[in-house]
N, C-alpha and C. Protein backbone atom coordinates (compact mmCIF):
# COMPACT_ATOMS: atom_id res chain seq x y z
N MET A 1 -6.24 89.65 48.40
CA MET A 1 -7.28 89.59 49.43
C MET A 1 -8.57 89.05 48.79
N THR A 2 -9.20 88.11 49.46
CA THR A 2 -10.41 87.51 48.94
C THR A 2 -11.62 88.38 49.25
N ALA A 3 -12.48 88.54 48.27
CA ALA A 3 -13.71 89.32 48.47
C ALA A 3 -14.59 88.61 49.47
N GLN A 4 -15.33 89.35 50.21
CA GLN A 4 -16.24 88.80 51.21
C GLN A 4 -17.68 89.00 50.75
N PRO A 5 -18.58 88.09 51.17
CA PRO A 5 -19.97 88.27 50.80
C PRO A 5 -20.55 89.54 51.40
N SER A 6 -21.56 90.04 50.74
CA SER A 6 -22.22 91.26 51.16
C SER A 6 -22.94 91.08 52.49
N GLN A 7 -22.98 92.10 53.30
CA GLN A 7 -23.76 92.08 54.53
C GLN A 7 -25.24 92.26 54.21
N ALA A 8 -25.53 92.86 53.08
CA ALA A 8 -26.92 93.11 52.68
C ALA A 8 -27.57 91.83 52.19
N LYS A 9 -28.88 91.87 52.10
CA LYS A 9 -29.62 90.73 51.59
C LYS A 9 -29.24 90.50 50.13
N GLY A 10 -28.77 89.31 49.81
CA GLY A 10 -28.37 88.99 48.45
C GLY A 10 -29.57 88.62 47.60
N VAL A 11 -29.37 88.62 46.31
CA VAL A 11 -30.45 88.28 45.41
C VAL A 11 -30.31 86.85 44.87
N TYR A 12 -29.20 86.18 45.19
CA TYR A 12 -28.98 84.80 44.76
C TYR A 12 -28.85 83.90 45.98
N GLU A 13 -29.32 82.66 45.85
CA GLU A 13 -29.18 81.72 46.95
C GLU A 13 -28.61 80.40 46.44
N TYR A 14 -27.83 79.75 47.30
CA TYR A 14 -27.19 78.49 46.96
C TYR A 14 -28.24 77.40 46.83
N VAL A 15 -28.14 76.59 45.75
CA VAL A 15 -29.10 75.50 45.54
C VAL A 15 -28.45 74.12 45.41
N GLY A 16 -27.15 74.08 45.23
CA GLY A 16 -26.49 72.79 45.12
C GLY A 16 -25.23 72.86 44.28
N ASN A 17 -24.67 71.68 44.02
CA ASN A 17 -23.48 71.63 43.18
C ASN A 17 -23.62 70.50 42.17
N CYS A 18 -22.66 70.40 41.28
CA CYS A 18 -22.77 69.43 40.18
C CYS A 18 -22.66 67.99 40.65
N LEU A 19 -22.23 67.77 41.86
CA LEU A 19 -22.10 66.41 42.38
C LEU A 19 -23.40 65.87 42.97
N ASP A 20 -24.26 66.77 43.46
CA ASP A 20 -25.48 66.31 44.13
C ASP A 20 -26.77 66.85 43.52
N SER A 21 -26.68 67.44 42.32
CA SER A 21 -27.87 68.06 41.73
C SER A 21 -28.46 67.31 40.54
N PHE A 22 -27.93 66.13 40.24
CA PHE A 22 -28.42 65.33 39.12
C PHE A 22 -28.56 63.88 39.56
N ASP A 23 -29.61 63.22 39.04
CA ASP A 23 -29.80 61.81 39.39
C ASP A 23 -28.96 60.92 38.48
N GLU A 24 -29.07 59.60 38.68
CA GLU A 24 -28.25 58.65 37.92
C GLU A 24 -28.54 58.66 36.42
N ASN A 25 -29.70 59.20 36.02
CA ASN A 25 -30.05 59.32 34.60
C ASN A 25 -29.63 60.66 34.00
N GLY A 26 -29.07 61.54 34.83
CA GLY A 26 -28.66 62.85 34.35
C GLY A 26 -29.72 63.91 34.45
N ASP A 27 -30.89 63.56 35.01
CA ASP A 27 -31.95 64.55 35.18
C ASP A 27 -31.65 65.42 36.39
N SER A 28 -32.01 66.70 36.28
CA SER A 28 -31.72 67.65 37.34
C SER A 28 -32.66 67.48 38.54
N LEU A 29 -32.09 67.62 39.72
CA LEU A 29 -32.86 67.60 40.96
C LEU A 29 -33.15 69.00 41.46
N ILE A 30 -32.65 70.00 40.75
CA ILE A 30 -32.90 71.41 41.11
C ILE A 30 -33.55 72.10 39.92
N ASP A 31 -34.24 73.19 40.17
CA ASP A 31 -35.07 73.85 39.15
C ASP A 31 -34.31 74.59 38.05
N CYS A 32 -33.06 74.91 38.23
CA CYS A 32 -32.39 75.75 37.24
C CYS A 32 -31.89 75.00 36.01
N PHE A 33 -31.91 73.68 36.02
CA PHE A 33 -31.49 72.89 34.87
C PHE A 33 -32.51 71.79 34.60
N ARG A 34 -32.63 71.38 33.33
CA ARG A 34 -33.46 70.22 32.99
C ARG A 34 -32.69 68.93 33.22
N ASP A 35 -31.43 68.94 32.78
CA ASP A 35 -30.58 67.76 32.86
C ASP A 35 -29.13 68.19 32.70
N VAL A 36 -28.20 67.22 32.68
CA VAL A 36 -26.78 67.56 32.59
C VAL A 36 -26.43 68.24 31.27
N SER A 37 -27.12 67.89 30.20
CA SER A 37 -26.87 68.54 28.91
C SER A 37 -27.24 70.02 28.96
N HIS A 38 -28.38 70.33 29.58
CA HIS A 38 -28.81 71.72 29.74
C HIS A 38 -27.79 72.49 30.59
N PHE A 39 -27.31 71.87 31.67
CA PHE A 39 -26.28 72.48 32.51
C PHE A 39 -25.03 72.77 31.69
N ALA A 40 -24.58 71.79 30.89
CA ALA A 40 -23.37 71.96 30.09
C ALA A 40 -23.52 73.11 29.09
N GLN A 41 -24.68 73.22 28.47
CA GLN A 41 -24.93 74.31 27.53
C GLN A 41 -24.91 75.66 28.25
N MET A 42 -25.54 75.70 29.40
CA MET A 42 -25.59 76.95 30.16
C MET A 42 -24.19 77.36 30.61
N GLU A 43 -23.42 76.40 31.07
CA GLU A 43 -22.06 76.69 31.53
C GLU A 43 -21.20 77.18 30.38
N GLU A 44 -21.36 76.59 29.22
CA GLU A 44 -20.59 76.98 28.04
C GLU A 44 -20.92 78.40 27.59
N ASN A 45 -22.17 78.82 27.76
CA ASN A 45 -22.61 80.14 27.32
C ASN A 45 -22.54 81.21 28.41
N ALA A 46 -22.18 80.81 29.63
CA ALA A 46 -22.09 81.77 30.74
C ALA A 46 -20.87 82.66 30.54
N LYS A 47 -20.96 83.87 31.09
CA LYS A 47 -19.81 84.77 31.00
C LYS A 47 -19.07 84.77 32.33
N GLU A 48 -17.76 84.89 32.23
CA GLU A 48 -16.94 84.96 33.42
C GLU A 48 -17.10 86.35 34.04
N ILE A 49 -17.23 86.40 35.35
CA ILE A 49 -17.38 87.67 36.05
C ILE A 49 -16.31 87.78 37.14
N PRO A 50 -16.00 88.99 37.56
CA PRO A 50 -15.01 89.17 38.63
C PRO A 50 -15.52 88.61 39.96
N GLU A 51 -14.59 88.19 40.78
CA GLU A 51 -14.91 87.66 42.11
C GLU A 51 -15.76 88.65 42.91
N GLU A 52 -15.45 89.92 42.84
CA GLU A 52 -16.17 90.93 43.61
C GLU A 52 -17.64 91.00 43.18
N GLU A 53 -17.89 90.88 41.88
CA GLU A 53 -19.28 90.90 41.40
C GLU A 53 -20.04 89.68 41.89
N PHE A 54 -19.39 88.52 41.84
CA PHE A 54 -20.01 87.28 42.32
C PHE A 54 -20.45 87.44 43.78
N PHE A 55 -19.51 87.83 44.65
CA PHE A 55 -19.83 87.93 46.07
C PHE A 55 -20.78 89.07 46.39
N SER A 56 -20.84 90.08 45.55
CA SER A 56 -21.77 91.19 45.82
C SER A 56 -23.23 90.75 45.67
N LYS A 57 -23.44 89.63 45.00
CA LYS A 57 -24.80 89.14 44.78
C LYS A 57 -25.26 88.16 45.86
N LEU A 58 -24.41 87.87 46.83
CA LEU A 58 -24.73 86.92 47.89
C LEU A 58 -24.77 87.62 49.24
N SER A 59 -25.59 87.11 50.14
CA SER A 59 -25.54 87.59 51.51
C SER A 59 -24.69 86.62 52.32
N ARG A 60 -24.27 87.03 53.47
CA ARG A 60 -23.43 86.19 54.32
C ARG A 60 -24.12 84.86 54.64
N THR A 61 -25.44 84.86 54.80
CA THR A 61 -26.14 83.62 55.13
C THR A 61 -26.19 82.66 53.94
N GLN A 62 -26.03 83.18 52.73
CA GLN A 62 -26.06 82.33 51.54
C GLN A 62 -24.67 81.83 51.16
N TYR A 63 -23.65 82.44 51.72
CA TYR A 63 -22.27 82.06 51.40
C TYR A 63 -21.97 80.68 51.98
N GLN A 64 -21.54 79.76 51.16
CA GLN A 64 -21.23 78.42 51.63
C GLN A 64 -19.86 78.40 52.30
N SER A 65 -19.67 77.46 53.19
CA SER A 65 -18.45 77.42 53.98
C SER A 65 -17.24 76.89 53.22
N PHE A 66 -17.44 76.34 52.00
CA PHE A 66 -16.29 75.85 51.26
C PHE A 66 -15.39 77.02 50.87
N MET A 67 -14.13 76.74 50.74
CA MET A 67 -13.17 77.78 50.38
C MET A 67 -12.92 77.76 48.88
N PHE A 68 -12.98 78.90 48.26
CA PHE A 68 -12.64 79.02 46.86
C PHE A 68 -11.12 79.15 46.75
N GLY A 69 -10.53 78.46 45.80
CA GLY A 69 -9.10 78.55 45.58
C GLY A 69 -8.76 79.69 44.64
N THR A 70 -7.49 79.88 44.43
CA THR A 70 -7.04 80.96 43.56
C THR A 70 -7.42 80.72 42.11
N GLU A 71 -7.72 79.48 41.77
CA GLU A 71 -8.09 79.15 40.39
C GLU A 71 -9.60 79.16 40.16
N THR A 72 -10.38 79.59 41.13
CA THR A 72 -11.84 79.59 41.00
C THR A 72 -12.28 80.49 39.86
N ILE A 73 -13.23 79.99 39.09
CA ILE A 73 -13.80 80.75 37.98
C ILE A 73 -15.24 81.08 38.34
N PHE A 74 -15.60 82.34 38.30
CA PHE A 74 -16.94 82.79 38.64
C PHE A 74 -17.71 83.07 37.36
N LEU A 75 -18.90 82.50 37.24
CA LEU A 75 -19.68 82.59 36.00
C LEU A 75 -21.09 83.10 36.27
N LEU A 76 -21.65 83.77 35.27
CA LEU A 76 -23.02 84.23 35.33
C LEU A 76 -23.72 83.84 34.04
N SER A 77 -24.83 83.11 34.17
CA SER A 77 -25.69 82.81 33.03
C SER A 77 -26.85 83.79 33.11
N GLU A 78 -26.75 84.86 32.34
CA GLU A 78 -27.75 85.93 32.42
C GLU A 78 -29.13 85.48 31.99
N CYS A 79 -29.21 84.62 30.97
CA CYS A 79 -30.52 84.23 30.47
C CYS A 79 -31.28 83.36 31.47
N GLN A 80 -30.56 82.64 32.33
CA GLN A 80 -31.21 81.77 33.30
C GLN A 80 -31.09 82.30 34.73
N ASN A 81 -30.40 83.41 34.92
CA ASN A 81 -30.20 83.98 36.25
C ASN A 81 -29.56 82.99 37.22
N VAL A 82 -28.47 82.36 36.76
CA VAL A 82 -27.74 81.40 37.57
C VAL A 82 -26.29 81.87 37.70
N LEU A 83 -25.80 81.91 38.94
CA LEU A 83 -24.39 82.15 39.22
C LEU A 83 -23.73 80.80 39.45
N MET A 84 -22.49 80.67 39.01
CA MET A 84 -21.74 79.43 39.24
C MET A 84 -20.34 79.78 39.69
N ALA A 85 -19.85 79.03 40.65
CA ALA A 85 -18.44 79.09 41.03
C ALA A 85 -17.86 77.74 40.64
N TYR A 86 -16.84 77.77 39.80
CA TYR A 86 -16.23 76.53 39.32
C TYR A 86 -14.84 76.39 39.92
N LEU A 87 -14.59 75.26 40.57
CA LEU A 87 -13.28 74.97 41.15
C LEU A 87 -12.60 73.91 40.30
N PRO A 88 -11.68 74.31 39.43
CA PRO A 88 -11.02 73.35 38.54
C PRO A 88 -10.27 72.25 39.29
N GLN A 89 -9.71 72.57 40.46
CA GLN A 89 -8.92 71.60 41.20
C GLN A 89 -9.75 70.40 41.66
N THR A 90 -11.07 70.59 41.83
CA THR A 90 -11.95 69.47 42.19
C THR A 90 -12.99 69.19 41.11
N ASP A 91 -12.96 69.97 40.03
CA ASP A 91 -13.91 69.88 38.93
C ASP A 91 -15.35 69.93 39.44
N THR A 92 -15.60 70.92 40.30
CA THR A 92 -16.91 71.07 40.92
C THR A 92 -17.48 72.45 40.63
N HIS A 93 -18.77 72.48 40.24
CA HIS A 93 -19.53 73.72 40.05
C HIS A 93 -20.49 73.87 41.23
N TYR A 94 -20.57 75.08 41.79
CA TYR A 94 -21.53 75.41 42.84
C TYR A 94 -22.54 76.36 42.23
N PHE A 95 -23.83 76.09 42.46
CA PHE A 95 -24.91 76.82 41.79
C PHE A 95 -25.67 77.73 42.76
N TYR A 96 -25.94 78.94 42.29
CA TYR A 96 -26.75 79.92 43.01
C TYR A 96 -27.79 80.42 42.02
N VAL A 97 -29.04 80.48 42.45
CA VAL A 97 -30.09 80.98 41.57
C VAL A 97 -30.67 82.27 42.12
N GLN A 98 -31.18 83.09 41.20
CA GLN A 98 -31.77 84.36 41.60
C GLN A 98 -33.10 84.09 42.29
N LYS A 99 -33.27 84.73 43.43
CA LYS A 99 -34.52 84.61 44.18
C LYS A 99 -35.65 85.28 43.42
N ALA A 100 -36.85 84.74 43.58
CA ALA A 100 -38.02 85.38 43.00
C ALA A 100 -38.29 86.68 43.74
N ALA A 101 -38.71 87.67 43.03
CA ALA A 101 -38.97 88.99 43.65
C ALA A 101 -40.22 88.97 44.49
């Protein structure tokens, strides 16, 4: 059974994915990365987290309509407060950043 996003207000919000968050020079178009190299370093140092933990940090309004497959890897970069869902079948990362308090 797939975990569902929390009904409560989440602390992370969707900001983009690896396909639309960098320009042709590799510079980031979103605030959580400087460029593709910074993203790669962050992804490499992120820890894998359970699906339930990932979804517990999101509210239903922040949950994107794409479907995660059984091979989805959920990651947390604690130092940058970034959640990532990685879909190996499409080689796509989806990014969520922690909201400012």
